[in-house]
């Protein structure tokens, strides 16, 4: 993980057998049945206000804001 004044950069090397990875293609923000890598930011460290980002093995992306009372998906 690294950052600058423009963005936060995250890299990951995920070890898995290609044939075993679930890859159901869905619309954006639809979790479906696919393996994924996600990162969750909680800038207030309050376990209540999260911003989540996901990338799925199918190429689909999802992001959301969670609070203690709701989940809102970005478009």
N, C-alpha and C. Protein backbone atom coordinates (compact mmCIF):
# COMPACT_ATOMS: atom_id res chain seq x y z
N UNK A 1 0.85 -1.16 0.00
CA UNK A 1 0.00 0.00 0.00
C UNK A 1 0.90 1.22 0.00
N UNK A 2 0.51 2.21 -0.81
CA UNK A 2 1.22 3.48 -0.87
C UNK A 2 0.20 4.57 -1.20
N UNK A 3 0.57 5.80 -0.96
CA UNK A 3 -0.34 6.90 -1.29
C UNK A 3 0.46 8.14 -1.66
N UNK A 4 -0.21 9.04 -2.37
CA UNK A 4 0.34 10.35 -2.65
C UNK A 4 -0.81 11.35 -2.59
N UNK A 5 -0.61 12.54 -3.08
CA UNK A 5 -1.66 13.57 -3.01
C UNK A 5 -2.84 13.28 -3.94
N UNK A 6 -2.70 12.30 -4.81
CA UNK A 6 -3.73 12.00 -5.80
C UNK A 6 -4.55 10.76 -5.47
N UNK A 7 -3.91 9.73 -4.94
CA UNK A 7 -4.60 8.44 -4.80
C UNK A 7 -3.96 7.56 -3.74
N UNK A 8 -4.65 6.47 -3.43
CA UNK A 8 -4.11 5.39 -2.61
C UNK A 8 -3.89 4.21 -3.55
N UNK A 9 -2.73 3.59 -3.49
CA UNK A 9 -2.37 2.49 -4.38
C UNK A 9 -2.25 1.22 -3.55
N UNK A 10 -2.93 0.16 -4.01
CA UNK A 10 -2.92 -1.11 -3.29
C UNK A 10 -2.56 -2.22 -4.27
N UNK A 11 -1.63 -3.03 -3.88
CA UNK A 11 -1.24 -4.18 -4.70
C UNK A 11 -1.40 -5.45 -3.90
N UNK A 12 -1.74 -6.52 -4.58
CA UNK A 12 -1.90 -7.80 -3.90
C UNK A 12 -1.53 -8.93 -4.85
N UNK A 13 -0.90 -9.94 -4.34
CA UNK A 13 -0.63 -11.16 -5.10
C UNK A 13 -1.46 -12.25 -4.44
N UNK A 14 -2.46 -12.73 -5.16
CA UNK A 14 -3.40 -13.71 -4.61
C UNK A 14 -3.07 -15.08 -5.18
N UNK A 15 -2.83 -16.03 -4.30
CA UNK A 15 -2.47 -17.38 -4.71
C UNK A 15 -3.71 -18.25 -4.76
N UNK A 16 -4.00 -18.79 -5.93
CA UNK A 16 -5.15 -19.67 -6.08
C UNK A 16 -4.97 -20.47 -7.36
N UNK A 17 -5.68 -21.54 -7.49
CA UNK A 17 -5.67 -22.35 -8.71
C UNK A 17 -6.73 -21.78 -9.64
N UNK A 18 -6.34 -21.38 -10.85
CA UNK A 18 -7.24 -20.69 -11.78
C UNK A 18 -8.54 -21.44 -12.01
N UNK A 19 -8.48 -22.74 -12.15
CA UNK A 19 -9.68 -23.53 -12.45
C UNK A 19 -10.67 -23.56 -11.28
N UNK A 20 -10.21 -23.29 -10.08
CA UNK A 20 -11.07 -23.35 -8.89
C UNK A 20 -11.73 -22.01 -8.55
N UNK A 21 -11.43 -20.96 -9.29
CA UNK A 21 -11.95 -19.64 -8.97
C UNK A 21 -13.34 -19.46 -9.56
N UNK A 22 -14.31 -19.08 -8.72
CA UNK A 22 -15.68 -18.81 -9.19
C UNK A 22 -15.68 -17.48 -9.94
N UNK A 23 -16.34 -17.45 -11.12
CA UNK A 23 -16.29 -16.25 -11.97
C UNK A 23 -17.65 -15.89 -12.55
N UNK A 24 -18.70 -15.86 -11.78
CA UNK A 24 -20.01 -15.48 -12.29
C UNK A 24 -20.00 -13.99 -12.63
N UNK A 25 -20.33 -13.64 -13.88
CA UNK A 25 -20.35 -12.25 -14.30
C UNK A 25 -21.67 -11.62 -13.89
N UNK A 26 -21.60 -10.44 -13.25
CA UNK A 26 -22.79 -9.73 -12.81
C UNK A 26 -22.64 -8.25 -13.14
N UNK A 27 -23.69 -7.49 -12.92
CA UNK A 27 -23.62 -6.05 -13.08
C UNK A 27 -22.83 -5.44 -11.93
N UNK A 28 -22.36 -4.22 -12.13
CA UNK A 28 -21.61 -3.52 -11.09
C UNK A 28 -22.41 -3.47 -9.80
N UNK A 29 -21.73 -3.64 -8.68
CA UNK A 29 -22.29 -3.61 -7.33
C UNK A 29 -23.22 -4.78 -7.04
N UNK A 30 -23.27 -5.79 -7.90
CA UNK A 30 -24.02 -7.01 -7.63
C UNK A 30 -22.99 -8.08 -7.28
N UNK A 31 -22.98 -8.53 -6.05
CA UNK A 31 -21.92 -9.42 -5.58
C UNK A 31 -21.93 -10.78 -6.27
N UNK A 32 -23.07 -11.35 -6.58
CA UNK A 32 -23.13 -12.61 -7.30
C UNK A 32 -22.34 -13.72 -6.64
N UNK A 33 -21.91 -14.69 -7.46
CA UNK A 33 -21.14 -15.84 -6.98
C UNK A 33 -19.76 -15.80 -7.64
N UNK A 34 -18.85 -15.04 -7.06
CA UNK A 34 -17.50 -14.92 -7.61
C UNK A 34 -16.52 -14.64 -6.47
N UNK A 35 -15.29 -15.11 -6.65
CA UNK A 35 -14.24 -14.79 -5.68
C UNK A 35 -13.91 -13.30 -5.80
N UNK A 36 -13.43 -12.70 -4.71
CA UNK A 36 -13.14 -11.27 -4.75
C UNK A 36 -12.00 -10.91 -3.81
N UNK A 37 -11.47 -9.74 -4.06
CA UNK A 37 -10.48 -9.11 -3.19
C UNK A 37 -11.09 -7.79 -2.75
N UNK A 38 -11.04 -7.51 -1.47
CA UNK A 38 -11.65 -6.27 -0.99
C UNK A 38 -10.76 -5.55 0.00
N UNK A 39 -10.99 -4.26 0.07
CA UNK A 39 -10.30 -3.42 1.05
C UNK A 39 -11.36 -2.55 1.73
N UNK A 40 -11.25 -2.42 3.03
CA UNK A 40 -12.23 -1.65 3.80
C UNK A 40 -11.49 -0.54 4.56
N UNK A 41 -11.93 0.68 4.34
CA UNK A 41 -11.37 1.83 5.05
C UNK A 41 -12.35 2.27 6.13
N UNK A 42 -11.83 2.50 7.33
CA UNK A 42 -12.61 3.04 8.43
C UNK A 42 -11.81 4.20 9.02
N UNK A 43 -11.91 5.39 8.40
CA UNK A 43 -11.03 6.49 8.78
C UNK A 43 -11.23 7.00 10.21
N UNK A 44 -12.39 6.76 10.78
CA UNK A 44 -12.65 7.24 12.14
C UNK A 44 -12.33 6.19 13.20
N UNK A 45 -11.97 4.97 12.75
CA UNK A 45 -11.68 3.87 13.66
C UNK A 45 -12.81 3.67 14.67
N UNK A 46 -14.05 3.75 14.17
CA UNK A 46 -15.21 3.65 15.06
C UNK A 46 -16.06 2.41 14.81
N UNK A 47 -15.63 1.53 13.91
CA UNK A 47 -16.33 0.29 13.57
C UNK A 47 -17.76 0.57 13.12
N UNK A 48 -18.04 1.76 12.60
CA UNK A 48 -19.39 2.10 12.18
C UNK A 48 -19.45 2.73 10.79
N UNK A 49 -18.44 3.42 10.37
CA UNK A 49 -18.48 4.16 9.11
C UNK A 49 -17.39 3.65 8.17
N UNK A 50 -17.74 2.65 7.37
CA UNK A 50 -16.77 2.02 6.48
C UNK A 50 -17.00 2.44 5.04
N UNK A 51 -15.92 2.51 4.28
CA UNK A 51 -15.98 2.64 2.83
C UNK A 51 -15.29 1.39 2.29
N UNK A 52 -16.01 0.60 1.49
CA UNK A 52 -15.53 -0.70 1.02
C UNK A 52 -15.33 -0.66 -0.49
N UNK A 53 -14.28 -1.33 -0.97
CA UNK A 53 -14.01 -1.46 -2.39
C UNK A 53 -13.71 -2.92 -2.68
N UNK A 54 -14.31 -3.47 -3.75
CA UNK A 54 -14.14 -4.87 -4.11
C UNK A 54 -13.84 -5.01 -5.60
N UNK A 55 -12.97 -5.96 -5.94
CA UNK A 55 -12.71 -6.36 -7.32
C UNK A 55 -12.94 -7.86 -7.37
N UNK A 56 -13.75 -8.29 -8.35
CA UNK A 56 -14.13 -9.70 -8.45
C UNK A 56 -13.34 -10.40 -9.55
N UNK A 57 -13.22 -11.71 -9.44
CA UNK A 57 -12.49 -12.51 -10.43
C UNK A 57 -13.12 -12.40 -11.81
N UNK A 58 -14.38 -12.04 -11.89
CA UNK A 58 -15.08 -11.87 -13.17
C UNK A 58 -14.78 -10.52 -13.81
N UNK A 59 -14.11 -9.61 -13.09
CA UNK A 59 -13.83 -8.28 -13.59
C UNK A 59 -14.81 -7.24 -13.09
N UNK A 60 -15.86 -7.67 -12.41
CA UNK A 60 -16.85 -6.76 -11.85
C UNK A 60 -16.24 -6.00 -10.67
N UNK A 61 -16.70 -4.78 -10.43
CA UNK A 61 -16.25 -3.97 -9.31
C UNK A 61 -17.45 -3.58 -8.45
N UNK A 62 -17.20 -3.34 -7.18
CA UNK A 62 -18.26 -2.87 -6.28
C UNK A 62 -17.63 -1.94 -5.26
N UNK A 63 -18.41 -0.99 -4.81
CA UNK A 63 -17.98 -0.12 -3.72
C UNK A 63 -19.21 0.29 -2.94
N UNK A 64 -19.03 0.56 -1.67
CA UNK A 64 -20.18 0.88 -0.82
C UNK A 64 -19.73 1.68 0.39
N UNK A 65 -20.69 2.38 0.97
CA UNK A 65 -20.48 3.07 2.23
C UNK A 65 -21.40 2.41 3.24
N UNK A 66 -20.83 1.99 4.36
CA UNK A 66 -21.61 1.35 5.42
C UNK A 66 -21.62 2.25 6.65
N UNK A 67 -22.79 2.37 7.25
CA UNK A 67 -22.90 3.03 8.53
C UNK A 67 -23.58 2.05 9.47
N UNK A 68 -23.79 2.43 10.69
CA UNK A 68 -24.42 1.52 11.64
C UNK A 68 -25.88 1.25 11.29
N UNK A 69 -26.48 2.06 10.42
CA UNK A 69 -27.91 1.88 10.09
C UNK A 69 -28.19 1.54 8.63
N UNK A 70 -27.23 1.68 7.71
CA UNK A 70 -27.52 1.39 6.32
C UNK A 70 -26.28 1.06 5.53
N UNK A 71 -26.51 0.57 4.29
CA UNK A 71 -25.45 0.35 3.30
C UNK A 71 -25.89 1.09 2.05
N UNK A 72 -25.00 1.93 1.52
CA UNK A 72 -25.30 2.67 0.29
C UNK A 72 -24.27 2.31 -0.76
N UNK A 73 -24.75 1.84 -1.92
CA UNK A 73 -23.85 1.47 -3.01
C UNK A 73 -23.61 2.68 -3.91
N UNK A 74 -22.36 2.87 -4.29
CA UNK A 74 -22.04 3.91 -5.26
C UNK A 74 -22.39 3.39 -6.64
N UNK A 75 -22.54 4.28 -7.59
CA UNK A 75 -22.75 3.84 -8.97
C UNK A 75 -21.61 4.27 -9.84
